Amino acid sequence: MKFRLSVNFKIIILVIAIVNSVLILVIVMIVNQIYQLEINRTEESAMDLAQSIARIPAISENIEKEDGINVIQPLVEGIRKNTQADFIVILDMEGIRYSHPVEDRLGQYFVGGDEKRVLVSGESYVSEAVGTLGESKRAFVPIYKENKQVGAVALGILVKGIKERIDSILSSTYIVLLWGNLLGIVGSVLLGNNVKKSIFGLEPREIAMILEEKNAIIDSLKEGVIAIDKDRKITLINREAKKLLNYGEEIMGMDINQIIKNTRLPILLQTGEAEYSREQIINDTVVLVNRIPIKVEDEVVGVVASFNKKNEVQRLAEELTGVKKFVEALRSQNHEFMNRLHTISGLIQLKEYDKAMSLISKVSSEKQEITSFIIDRIKVNEIAGLIIGKFDRANELKIDFKIDSNSSLCRSYSLEFKNSLVTIIGNLIDNAIESLNDVNIKEKKIYIGLFEEENDLKIVVKDTGVGIPDSLKTKIFERGFSTKVGNSRGIGLDLIKSNINLLEGNIELKSKVNQGAEFIVTTPYQN
């Protein structure tokens, strides 16, 4: 099994490595800077002190005298002991020492070889050399007597002492840097834990696996899926959505308004309210869209939409509900005809043969009349079947269902147009039946008219129900609004309004309380 480091451990190692690299670089820079500053300070101090000693008269006057050492040695050693100098050597022009921290070396030649410049050319300078006391920084200054060089001052500070002073200065710096390293380690642990928490404790490979699974699942959906962020940029789109949008360029990261001109997704970024089963036209195709805001801690950070072709949804719905509708139609007809058969049976048993024949003739005539009329005048099979079913349902509920004798539906219509007509006519008739079924009214009547005029199709559905008050005439078309009790109410009229809008049509409502309601729909043929 391959060993994998956790993201938490990787973050800790990375941060510690970065912190230590930075700290080491800082330490090197600080050490070099402090060392250089200390060397420069030492050289300047040595040069200043050497120049001061060179100007002492007692020294210039006693150089080259036989007993000059006895005067110069105690004078110079007194100065050395009160300063940071490790040695102060007074030289004559031959390089003979007139002072030295070690008395045994008095009168001997100066060691180092770096004294020649001051003795030969009278220069003042600082050098580094190894003498009898060890490696040192040496300041050389010429000594003059009456404008004539008679010797030189060699003032030295041992390099070993300089390094000890630098180390003492850096000791506090090392402590600070050590604490910085410890804080970096603690910070890296806290950062690693925070990052791990923000990704729900998942490892990168687990996140990658989830992402691949999500993409595979989304692409396998038969519905189109598209999502945007709070800047309206597309963050997700599946294969089905790309197929429907038919956009040749790369879509990810583009503004949603560039792809779908009439989209409502940016509106949901403001409202934060979900929308379900809303109709929309995309590339001349009617689709049903569900739009849901994406919220993080009650803040809307994006919107996701899923959509499918309306005709596909309707086809599936018809397949799923076709049997149910067929059974309901059979049940209505069976119930109605059973009532009629019981009546006929009773009349026969009472030997009222003429009345039985009359009833049989009436039932046969009514059914034949409506069926023949519809077959003759309504050439759209979906609408014809719908009206026959609604007619049987109305008869079962003792509602007088009339179709205008001038009604006709003979033109050739597209599948989308016919589907919209089924939704509009079916829901209008259902609303009329429902308004009459729940009230106690003597004359329960429904009137329907379908008129193919020159430029428009006109649909009229009228009932003798309780009517609609003026205060509710605009609200009844809002999704979810209903005067009835129930969770599945307030959808029919919203569907009617949506389909009329898609067909670029118009709906008019005429109604008075207790005098019924009349809905008049007009829609152009070309849409």
Protein backbone atom coordinates (compact mmCIF):
# COMPACT_ATOMS: atom_id res chain seq x y z
CA MET A 1 0.00 0.00 0.00
CA LYS A 2 1.39 3.38 -1.04
CA PHE A 3 2.01 5.71 1.91
CA ARG A 4 0.44 9.17 1.56
CA LEU A 5 1.10 12.19 3.74
CA SER A 6 -1.93 14.03 5.04
CA VAL A 7 -2.56 17.60 3.88
CA ASN A 8 -2.24 18.75 7.51
CA PHE A 9 1.24 17.22 7.78
CA LYS A 10 2.29 18.65 4.40
CA ILE A 11 1.22 22.16 5.44
CA ILE A 12 3.11 21.87 8.74
CA ILE A 13 6.29 20.65 7.00
CA LEU A 14 6.02 23.33 4.29
CA VAL A 15 5.47 26.19 6.74
CA ILE A 16 8.29 25.00 9.03
CA ALA A 17 10.63 24.73 6.03
CA ILE A 18 9.73 28.22 4.84
CA VAL A 19 10.03 29.73 8.33
CA ASN A 20 13.41 28.08 8.92
CA SER A 21 14.71 29.11 5.50
CA VAL A 22 13.70 32.71 6.16
CA LEU A 23 15.15 32.63 9.69
CA ILE A 24 18.45 31.16 8.50
CA LEU A 25 18.70 33.81 5.79
CA VAL A 26 17.92 36.52 8.36
CA ILE A 27 20.50 35.11 10.77
CA VAL A 28 23.19 35.08 8.08
CA MET A 29 22.36 38.65 7.10
CA ILE A 30 22.29 39.86 10.71
CA VAL A 31 25.57 38.11 11.60
CA ASN A 32 27.31 39.55 8.54
CA GLN A 33 25.91 42.99 9.22
CA ILE A 34 26.83 42.97 12.90
CA TYR A 35 30.30 41.55 12.15
CA GLN A 36 30.94 44.22 9.55
CA LEU A 37 29.65 46.99 11.82
CA GLU A 38 31.80 45.76 14.71
CA ILE A 39 34.90 45.51 12.49
CA ASN A 40 34.34 49.01 11.14
CA ARG A 41 33.77 50.38 14.63
CA THR A 42 36.90 48.62 15.88
CA GLU A 43 39.01 49.93 13.01
CA GLU A 44 37.75 53.48 13.51
CA SER A 45 38.34 53.32 17.28
CA ALA A 46 41.86 51.89 16.77
CA MET A 47 42.74 54.57 14.23
CA ASP A 48 41.42 57.40 16.45
CA LEU A 49 43.33 56.12 19.50
CA ALA A 50 46.55 55.58 17.49
CA GLN A 51 46.39 59.11 16.12
CA SER A 52 45.90 60.49 19.62
CA ILE A 53 48.93 58.56 20.92
CA ALA A 54 51.06 59.67 17.95
CA ARG A 55 50.54 63.29 18.98
CA ILE A 56 51.81 62.83 22.57
CA PRO A 57 55.06 64.91 22.86
CA ALA A 58 56.71 62.61 25.38
CA ILE A 59 56.65 59.81 22.86
CA SER A 60 58.04 61.72 19.86
CA GLU A 61 60.84 63.25 21.97
CA ASN A 62 62.06 59.95 23.49
CA ILE A 63 62.12 57.80 20.37
CA GLU A 64 65.65 56.88 19.30
CA LYS A 65 67.04 57.77 22.75
CA GLU A 66 68.87 55.03 24.61
CA ASP A 67 66.66 55.35 27.69
CA GLY A 68 63.57 56.19 25.64
CA ILE A 69 62.00 52.79 26.43
CA ASN A 70 61.93 53.65 30.12
CA VAL A 71 59.79 56.72 29.41
CA ILE A 72 57.58 55.42 26.61
CA GLN A 73 56.77 51.90 27.98
CA PRO A 74 55.00 52.94 31.22
CA LEU A 75 53.21 55.80 29.47
CA VAL A 76 51.84 53.67 26.67
CA GLU A 77 50.96 50.69 28.90
CA GLY A 78 48.93 53.02 31.12
CA ILE A 79 46.95 54.11 28.09
CA ARG A 80 46.49 50.51 26.85
CA LYS A 81 45.12 49.27 30.16
CA ASN A 82 42.45 52.00 30.12
CA THR A 83 41.28 51.25 26.56
CA GLN A 84 40.13 48.27 24.50
CA ALA A 85 43.48 47.95 22.78
CA ASP A 86 45.20 44.58 23.17
CA PHE A 87 48.60 46.03 22.35
CA ILE A 88 50.17 49.43 21.59
CA VAL A 89 53.64 49.29 20.09
CA ILE A 90 55.82 52.33 19.48
CA LEU A 91 58.36 51.76 16.66
CA ASP A 92 61.35 53.76 15.59
CA MET A 93 62.25 54.07 11.93
CA GLU A 94 64.13 50.75 12.08
CA GLY A 95 61.09 48.86 13.42
CA ILE A 96 62.48 48.49 16.97
CA ARG A 97 59.82 48.28 19.68
CA TYR A 98 59.80 50.99 22.38
CA SER A 99 56.64 49.62 24.03
CA HIS A 100 54.91 46.23 24.19
CA PRO A 101 52.50 44.43 26.58
CA VAL A 102 55.23 41.77 27.05
CA GLU A 103 58.36 43.53 28.42
CA ASP A 104 60.70 40.76 27.21
CA ARG A 105 59.95 41.79 23.64
CA LEU A 106 61.01 45.38 24.12
CA GLY A 107 63.92 46.42 21.91
CA GLN A 108 63.15 43.67 19.38
CA TYR A 109 61.95 44.09 15.82
CA PHE A 110 58.22 44.37 15.10
CA VAL A 111 56.63 41.15 13.72
CA GLY A 112 53.97 41.03 11.00
CA GLY A 113 55.46 42.65 7.91
CA ASP A 114 52.60 45.13 7.53
CA GLU A 115 54.50 47.99 9.19
CA LYS A 116 56.63 48.87 6.15
CA ARG A 117 54.11 51.25 4.58
CA VAL A 118 53.97 53.51 7.62
CA LEU A 119 57.77 53.51 8.04
CA VAL A 120 58.60 53.94 4.36
CA SER A 121 55.86 56.29 3.11
CA GLY A 122 54.33 57.63 6.33
CA GLU A 123 50.79 56.39 5.55
CA SER A 124 48.04 55.96 8.16
CA TYR A 125 46.11 52.73 7.60
CA VAL A 126 44.48 49.65 9.16
CA SER A 127 45.60 46.13 8.34
CA GLU A 128 45.14 42.60 9.56
CA ALA A 129 48.11 40.37 10.32
CA VAL A 130 49.38 37.65 12.67
CA GLY A 131 51.83 38.87 15.28
CA THR A 132 53.35 37.47 18.44
CA LEU A 133 49.97 37.82 20.26
CA GLY A 134 47.92 36.30 17.43
CA GLU A 135 45.75 37.55 14.59
CA SER A 136 44.79 41.18 15.07
CA LYS A 137 43.46 44.34 13.48
CA ARG A 138 46.27 46.92 13.46
CA ALA A 139 46.10 50.68 13.07
CA PHE A 140 49.39 52.30 11.92
CA VAL A 141 49.99 56.05 12.38
CA PRO A 142 53.33 57.87 11.79
CA ILE A 143 54.97 59.88 14.63
CA TYR A 144 56.50 63.22 13.71
CA LYS A 145 58.97 65.43 15.51
CA GLU A 146 59.42 68.88 14.07
CA ASN A 147 57.82 67.76 10.77
CA LYS A 148 60.16 64.79 10.50
CA GLN A 149 58.93 61.22 10.93
CA VAL A 150 60.75 59.59 13.80
CA GLY A 151 58.66 56.47 14.23
CA ALA A 152 55.16 55.00 14.22
CA VAL A 153 52.35 53.80 16.46
CA ALA A 154 51.02 50.26 15.91
CA LEU A 155 47.77 49.78 17.87
CA GLY A 156 46.26 46.34 17.71
CA ILE A 157 43.00 44.68 18.73
CA LEU A 158 42.95 40.90 18.60
CA VAL A 159 40.43 39.35 16.20
CA LYS A 160 39.61 36.77 18.85
CA GLY A 161 38.35 39.51 21.15
CA ILE A 162 36.28 41.06 18.36
CA LYS A 163 34.55 37.73 17.69
CA GLU A 164 33.81 37.28 21.39
CA ARG A 165 32.12 40.67 21.52
CA ILE A 166 30.13 39.88 18.35
CA ASP A 167 29.02 36.54 19.81
CA SER A 168 27.83 38.25 22.99
CA ILE A 169 25.79 40.69 20.90
CA LEU A 170 24.32 37.88 18.78
CA SER A 171 23.34 35.67 21.73
CA SER A 172 20.17 37.70 22.34
CA THR A 173 19.43 37.65 18.60
CA TYR A 174 19.62 33.85 18.55
CA ILE A 175 17.06 33.66 21.38
CA VAL A 176 14.65 35.91 19.49
CA LEU A 177 15.08 33.86 16.33
CA LEU A 178 14.50 30.65 18.27
CA TRP A 179 11.21 32.00 19.60
CA GLY A 180 10.28 33.02 16.07
CA ASN A 181 10.91 29.46 14.92
CA LEU A 182 8.75 28.05 17.71
CA LEU A 183 5.94 30.49 16.86
CA GLY A 184 6.23 29.45 13.21
CA ILE A 185 5.80 25.81 14.16
CA VAL A 186 2.77 26.56 16.34
CA GLY A 187 1.30 28.77 13.59
CA SER A 188 1.81 26.05 10.98
CA VAL A 189 -0.01 23.51 13.15
CA LEU A 190 -2.93 25.91 13.68
CA LEU A 191 -3.01 26.77 9.97
CA GLY A 192 -2.97 23.12 8.98
CA ASN A 193 -5.83 22.32 11.34
CA ASN A 194 -7.83 25.32 10.09
CA VAL A 195 -7.34 24.35 6.44
CA LYS A 196 -8.31 20.76 7.21
CA LYS A 197 -11.45 21.97 8.99
CA SER A 198 -12.41 24.28 6.11
CA ILE A 199 -12.34 21.34 3.66
CA PHE A 200 -14.41 19.21 6.04
CA GLY A 201 -11.51 17.02 7.05
CA LEU A 202 -11.04 15.71 3.51
CA GLU A 203 -7.73 14.98 1.88
CA PRO A 204 -6.94 16.43 -1.59
CA ARG A 205 -7.22 13.01 -3.23
CA GLU A 206 -10.65 12.57 -1.59
CA ILE A 207 -11.75 15.99 -2.84
CA ALA A 208 -10.51 15.12 -6.33
CA MET A 209 -12.42 11.83 -6.22
CA ILE A 210 -15.61 13.58 -5.09
CA LEU A 211 -15.19 16.17 -7.85
CA GLU A 212 -14.75 13.49 -10.50
CA GLU A 213 -17.78 11.60 -9.20
CA LYS A 214 -19.82 14.81 -9.16
CA ASN A 215 -18.85 15.65 -12.74
CA ALA A 216 -19.65 12.12 -13.88
CA ILE A 217 -23.04 12.20 -12.16
CA ILE A 218 -23.92 15.65 -13.50
CA ASP A 219 -22.92 14.70 -17.05
CA SER A 220 -25.02 11.53 -16.83
CA LEU A 221 -28.19 13.50 -16.08
CA LYS A 222 -30.76 13.84 -18.83
CA GLU A 223 -31.54 17.31 -17.50
CA GLY A 224 -29.39 20.31 -18.30
CA VAL A 225 -27.60 21.74 -15.26
CA ILE A 226 -25.88 25.13 -15.05
CA ALA A 227 -24.60 27.09 -12.05
CA ILE A 228 -23.29 30.62 -11.55
CA ASP A 229 -21.42 32.38 -8.74
CA LYS A 230 -22.31 35.70 -7.10
CA ASP A 231 -20.52 37.53 -9.95
CA ARG A 232 -22.86 35.84 -12.48
CA LYS A 233 -19.96 33.80 -13.90
CA ILE A 234 -20.70 30.23 -15.02
CA THR A 235 -19.02 27.78 -12.63
CA LEU A 236 -20.65 24.51 -13.75
CA ILE A 237 -22.36 23.20 -16.83
CA ASN A 238 -23.07 19.62 -17.87
CA ARG A 239 -23.12 17.93 -21.26
CA GLU A 240 -26.92 18.14 -21.71
CA ALA A 241 -26.94 21.89 -21.02
CA LYS A 242 -24.15 22.47 -23.56
CA LYS A 243 -26.12 20.48 -26.12
CA LEU A 244 -29.25 22.57 -25.57
CA LEU A 245 -27.40 25.91 -25.54
CA ASN A 246 -25.46 24.91 -28.68
CA TYR A 247 -22.69 27.40 -27.88
CA GLY A 248 -19.50 26.77 -29.84
CA GLU A 249 -17.00 28.50 -27.52
CA GLU A 250 -15.81 27.62 -24.02
CA ILE A 251 -18.59 28.57 -21.59
CA MET A 252 -16.96 28.19 -18.18
CA GLY A 253 -16.19 31.55 -16.59
CA MET A 254 -18.42 33.55 -18.96
CA ASP A 255 -21.21 35.86 -17.81
CA ILE A 256 -24.56 34.01 -17.83
CA ASN A 257 -26.26 36.93 -19.62
CA GLN A 258 -23.95 36.41 -22.61
CA ILE A 259 -25.17 32.83 -22.99
CA ILE A 260 -28.86 33.06 -22.02
CA LYS A 261 -30.28 36.52 -22.74
CA ASN A 262 -33.58 36.08 -20.85
CA THR A 263 -32.21 34.22 -17.83
CA ARG A 264 -33.58 34.88 -14.35
CA LEU A 265 -30.57 33.46 -12.49
CA PRO A 266 -29.08 36.90 -11.60
CA ILE A 267 -32.47 37.90 -10.14
CA LEU A 268 -32.29 34.96 -7.72
CA LEU A 269 -28.90 36.25 -6.52
CA GLN A 270 -30.84 39.24 -5.18
CA THR A 271 -34.08 37.59 -4.01
CA GLY A 272 -32.69 34.29 -2.72
CA GLU A 273 -36.06 32.65 -3.52
CA ALA A 274 -36.22 29.31 -5.35
CA GLU A 275 -38.38 28.87 -8.46
CA TYR A 276 -39.74 25.54 -9.67
CA SER A 277 -41.21 24.32 -12.97
CA ARG A 278 -41.00 27.72 -14.68
CA GLU A 279 -41.23 27.84 -18.46
CA GLN A 280 -38.56 29.59 -20.51
CA ILE A 281 -37.47 29.73 -24.15
CA ILE A 282 -33.84 28.84 -24.89
CA ASN A 283 -32.72 28.75 -28.54
CA ASP A 284 -36.35 28.58 -29.74
CA THR A 285 -36.99 25.62 -27.44
CA VAL A 286 -39.48 25.74 -24.56
CA VAL A 287 -37.93 24.32 -21.39
CA LEU A 288 -39.12 23.80 -17.82
CA VAL A 289 -36.61 25.27 -15.37
CA ASN A 290 -35.97 24.80 -11.65
CA ARG A 291 -33.83 27.57 -10.14
CA ILE A 292 -32.38 27.20 -6.65
CA PRO A 293 -30.10 29.68 -4.85
CA ILE A 294 -26.88 28.32 -3.31
CA LYS A 295 -26.50 29.60 0.26
CA VAL A 296 -23.53 29.46 2.63
CA GLU A 297 -24.32 30.62 6.16
CA ASP A 298 -27.52 32.32 4.89
CA GLU A 299 -25.57 34.24 2.22
CA VAL A 300 -26.43 33.65 -1.43
CA VAL A 301 -23.15 32.76 -3.16
CA GLY A 302 -24.59 31.43 -6.39
CA VAL A 303 -27.55 29.89 -8.22
CA VAL A 304 -28.01 26.49 -9.86
CA ALA A 305 -30.61 25.75 -12.51
CA SER A 306 -31.82 22.46 -13.97
CA PHE A 307 -33.94 22.37 -17.10
CA ASN A 308 -35.45 20.00 -19.63
CA LYS A 309 -37.37 20.36 -22.85
CA LYS A 310 -41.03 20.88 -22.10
CA ASN A 311 -42.21 18.48 -24.77
CA GLU A 312 -39.94 15.77 -23.32
CA VAL A 313 -41.34 16.37 -19.84
CA GLN A 314 -44.87 16.30 -21.18
CA ARG A 315 -44.17 13.11 -23.11
CA LEU A 316 -42.90 11.41 -19.96
CA ALA A 317 -45.81 12.78 -17.96
CA GLU A 318 -48.25 11.48 -20.53
CA GLU A 319 -46.64 8.06 -20.42
CA LEU A 320 -46.79 8.00 -16.64
CA THR A 321 -50.30 9.39 -16.29
CA GLY A 322 -51.90 8.02 -19.45
CA VAL A 323 -53.15 4.85 -17.79
CA LYS A 324 -54.51 6.83 -14.85
CA LYS A 325 -56.43 9.18 -17.15
CA PHE A 326 -57.77 6.25 -19.15
CA VAL A 327 -58.96 4.55 -15.98
CA GLU A 328 -60.56 7.76 -14.71
CA ALA A 329 -62.37 8.23 -18.02
CA LEU A 330 -63.63 4.64 -17.95
CA ARG A 331 -64.70 5.08 -14.34
CA SER A 332 -66.66 8.24 -15.18
CA GLN A 333 -68.33 6.62 -18.14
CA ASN A 334 -69.00 3.42 -16.21
CA HIS A 335 -70.51 5.35 -13.30
CA GLU A 336 -72.72 7.41 -15.60
CA PHE A 337 -73.87 4.46 -17.70
CA MET A 338 -74.51 2.31 -14.60
CA ASN A 339 -76.86 5.00 -13.35
CA ARG A 340 -78.62 5.08 -16.71
CA LEU A 341 -78.79 1.25 -16.84
CA HIS A 342 -80.28 1.12 -13.36
CA THR A 343 -82.90 3.64 -14.45
CA ILE A 344 -83.67 1.70 -17.62
CA SER A 345 -83.82 -1.56 -15.63
CA GLY A 346 -86.28 0.00 -13.21
CA LEU A 347 -88.49 1.29 -16.01
CA ILE A 348 -88.55 -2.16 -17.65
CA GLN A 349 -89.46 -3.81 -14.35
CA LEU A 350 -92.30 -1.27 -14.02
CA LYS A 351 -93.28 -2.19 -17.59
CA GLU A 352 -92.72 1.45 -18.66
CA TYR A 353 -91.35 0.32 -21.95
CA ASP A 354 -91.96 3.56 -23.81
CA LYS A 355 -90.10 5.59 -21.19
CA ALA A 356 -87.24 3.09 -21.19
CA MET A 357 -86.92 3.34 -24.96
CA SER A 358 -87.11 7.12 -24.78
CA LEU A 359 -84.29 7.25 -22.19
CA ILE A 360 -82.15 4.86 -24.24
CA SER A 361 -82.68 7.01 -27.30
CA LYS A 362 -81.87 10.19 -25.38
CA VAL A 363 -78.61 8.80 -23.91
CA SER A 364 -77.50 7.43 -27.24
CA SER A 365 -78.40 10.68 -28.98
CA GLU A 366 -76.55 12.90 -26.49
CA LYS A 367 -73.37 10.85 -26.64
CA GLN A 368 -73.53 10.49 -30.40
CA GLU A 369 -74.22 14.20 -30.84
CA ILE A 370 -71.23 15.44 -28.80
CA THR A 371 -68.91 12.78 -30.24
CA SER A 372 -69.90 13.49 -33.82
CA PHE A 373 -69.61 17.25 -33.34
CA ILE A 374 -66.16 16.98 -31.85
CA ILE A 375 -64.91 14.56 -34.49
CA ASP A 376 -66.29 16.80 -37.22
CA ARG A 377 -65.12 20.21 -35.90
CA ILE A 378 -62.09 19.50 -33.66
CA LYS A 379 -59.31 18.05 -35.83
CA VAL A 380 -56.62 18.23 -33.17
CA ASN A 381 -56.84 14.79 -31.57
CA GLU A 382 -55.29 15.86 -28.26
CA ILE A 383 -57.89 18.61 -27.80
CA ALA A 384 -60.75 16.39 -29.02
CA GLY A 385 -59.91 13.64 -26.53
CA LEU A 386 -59.52 16.23 -23.77
CA ILE A 387 -62.99 17.75 -24.40
CA ILE A 388 -64.72 14.36 -24.54
CA GLY A 389 -63.14 13.39 -21.22
CA LYS A 390 -64.15 16.69 -19.61
CA PHE A 391 -67.68 16.30 -21.02
CA ASP A 392 -68.07 12.88 -19.36
CA ARG A 393 -66.69 14.25 -16.09
CA ALA A 394 -69.16 17.17 -16.15
CA ASN A 395 -72.11 14.87 -16.88
CA GLU A 396 -71.12 12.69 -13.93
CA LEU A 397 -71.27 15.78 -11.70
CA LYS A 398 -74.62 16.89 -13.17
CA ILE A 399 -73.09 19.89 -14.89
CA ASP A 400 -74.48 21.05 -18.24
CA PHE A 401 -71.48 21.09 -20.59
CA LYS A 402 -72.02 22.98 -23.85
CA ILE A 403 -69.70 23.56 -26.81
CA ASP A 404 -70.37 26.53 -29.08
CA SER A 405 -71.75 25.30 -32.38
CA ASN A 406 -69.36 27.58 -34.28
CA SER A 407 -66.31 26.08 -32.60
CA SER A 408 -63.60 24.64 -34.83
CA LEU A 409 -59.96 23.61 -34.60
CA CYS A 410 -58.86 22.54 -38.06
CA ARG A 411 -55.51 24.19 -38.66
CA SER A 412 -52.17 22.37 -38.46
CA TYR A 413 -50.33 23.24 -35.25
CA SER A 414 -46.85 22.44 -33.93
CA LEU A 415 -46.39 19.96 -31.10
CA GLU A 416 -45.38 22.73 -28.68
CA PHE A 417 -48.44 24.79 -29.61
CA LYS A 418 -50.78 21.81 -29.11
CA ASN A 419 -49.19 20.98 -25.75
CA SER A 420 -49.74 24.55 -24.59
CA LEU A 421 -53.38 24.43 -25.77
CA VAL A 422 -53.96 21.21 -23.80
CA THR A 423 -52.60 22.91 -20.67
CA ILE A 424 -54.66 26.10 -21.17
CA ILE A 425 -58.00 24.48 -22.13
CA GLY A 426 -57.69 21.60 -19.65
CA ASN A 427 -56.97 23.87 -16.67
CA LEU A 428 -59.68 26.38 -17.60
CA ILE A 429 -62.31 23.61 -17.78
CA ASP A 430 -61.03 22.02 -14.55
CA ASN A 431 -61.31 25.34 -12.72
CA ALA A 432 -64.86 25.81 -14.04
CA ILE A 433 -65.89 22.27 -12.95
CA GLU A 434 -64.35 22.80 -9.53
CA SER A 435 -66.10 26.16 -9.03
CA LEU A 436 -69.49 24.51 -9.77
CA ASN A 437 -68.95 21.23 -7.94
CA ASP A 438 -68.34 22.74 -4.50
CA VAL A 439 -71.34 25.09 -4.37
CA ASN A 440 -75.10 24.75 -4.21
CA ILE A 441 -76.30 26.30 -7.47
CA LYS A 442 -79.42 25.35 -9.38
CA GLU A 443 -78.12 25.85 -12.87
CA LYS A 444 -74.61 24.45 -13.21
CA LYS A 445 -73.41 25.25 -16.70
CA ILE A 446 -70.10 25.34 -18.52
CA TYR A 447 -69.67 26.89 -21.93
CA ILE A 448 -66.61 26.45 -24.16
CA GLY A 449 -65.84 28.00 -27.48
CA LEU A 450 -62.85 27.52 -29.80
CA PHE A 451 -62.71 30.00 -32.67
CA GLU A 452 -60.08 30.10 -35.41
CA GLU A 453 -60.14 33.73 -36.44
CA GLU A 454 -58.06 35.33 -39.20
CA ASN A 455 -54.90 36.02 -37.20
CA ASP A 456 -55.60 34.59 -33.76
CA LEU A 457 -57.02 31.55 -32.04
CA LYS A 458 -59.68 32.53 -29.51
CA ILE A 459 -60.61 30.31 -26.55
CA VAL A 460 -63.63 31.09 -24.34
CA VAL A 461 -64.50 29.17 -21.18
CA LYS A 462 -67.46 30.39 -19.13
CA ASP A 463 -69.24 29.00 -16.04
CA THR A 464 -72.17 29.94 -13.80
CA GLY A 465 -70.25 29.55 -10.57
CA VAL A 466 -69.65 31.92 -7.64
CA GLY A 467 -67.47 34.27 -9.69
CA ILE A 468 -64.28 36.07 -8.74
CA PRO A 469 -64.23 39.38 -6.78
CA ASP A 470 -62.37 42.34 -8.28
CA SER A 471 -59.79 42.29 -5.46
CA LEU A 472 -58.61 38.83 -6.53
CA LYS A 473 -58.62 39.16 -10.30
CA THR A 474 -54.86 39.78 -10.48
CA LYS A 475 -53.81 37.54 -7.58
CA ILE A 476 -55.39 34.36 -8.95
CA PHE A 477 -52.63 34.09 -11.60
CA GLU A 478 -49.89 34.04 -8.94
CA ARG A 479 -48.37 30.61 -8.26
CA GLY A 480 -49.50 29.20 -4.93
CA PHE A 481 -52.47 31.57 -4.50
CA SER A 482 -55.84 29.88 -4.12
CA THR A 483 -59.14 30.46 -2.37
CA LYS A 484 -59.27 26.70 -1.67
CA VAL A 485 -57.53 24.83 1.16
CA GLY A 486 -54.67 22.45 0.27
CA ASN A 487 -50.95 22.28 -0.50
CA SER A 488 -51.38 21.51 -4.21
CA ARG A 489 -53.56 24.53 -5.00
CA GLY A 490 -52.78 27.69 -6.94
CA ILE A 491 -50.92 26.02 -9.83
CA GLY A 492 -53.47 25.75 -12.69
CA LEU A 493 -53.94 29.44 -13.46
CA ASP A 494 -50.19 30.05 -13.13
CA LEU A 495 -49.59 27.35 -15.77
CA ILE A 496 -52.25 28.94 -17.98
CA LYS A 497 -50.63 32.36 -17.67
CA SER A 498 -47.12 30.98 -18.33
CA ASN A 499 -48.22 29.14 -21.48
CA ILE A 500 -50.10 32.17 -22.79
CA ASN A 501 -46.98 34.28 -22.29
CA LEU A 502 -44.89 31.72 -24.17
CA LEU A 503 -47.39 31.88 -27.05
CA GLU A 504 -47.27 35.70 -26.88
CA GLY A 505 -51.02 35.69 -26.27
CA ASN A 506 -53.40 37.43 -23.91
CA ILE A 507 -55.97 36.39 -21.30
CA GLU A 508 -58.98 38.43 -20.25
CA LEU A 509 -61.19 37.77 -17.22
CA LYS A 510 -64.80 38.89 -16.92
CA SER A 511 -66.51 38.04 -13.68
CA LYS A 512 -68.97 39.22 -11.06
CA VAL A 513 -69.62 37.68 -7.68
CA ASN A 514 -72.38 34.99 -7.83
CA GLN A 515 -72.69 35.47 -11.60
CA GLY A 516 -69.93 33.20 -12.79
CA ALA A 517 -66.64 33.83 -14.58
CA GLU A 518 -65.57 34.06 -18.23
CA PHE A 519 -61.98 33.58 -19.42
CA ILE A 520 -61.11 34.76 -22.93
CA VAL A 521 -57.74 33.71 -24.35
CA THR A 522 -56.37 34.97 -27.65
CA THR A 523 -53.06 33.80 -29.11
CA PRO A 524 -51.47 34.35 -32.53
CA TYR A 525 -50.92 31.38 -34.83
CA GLN A 526 -47.30 32.25 -35.55
CA ASN A 527 -45.30 31.98 -32.32
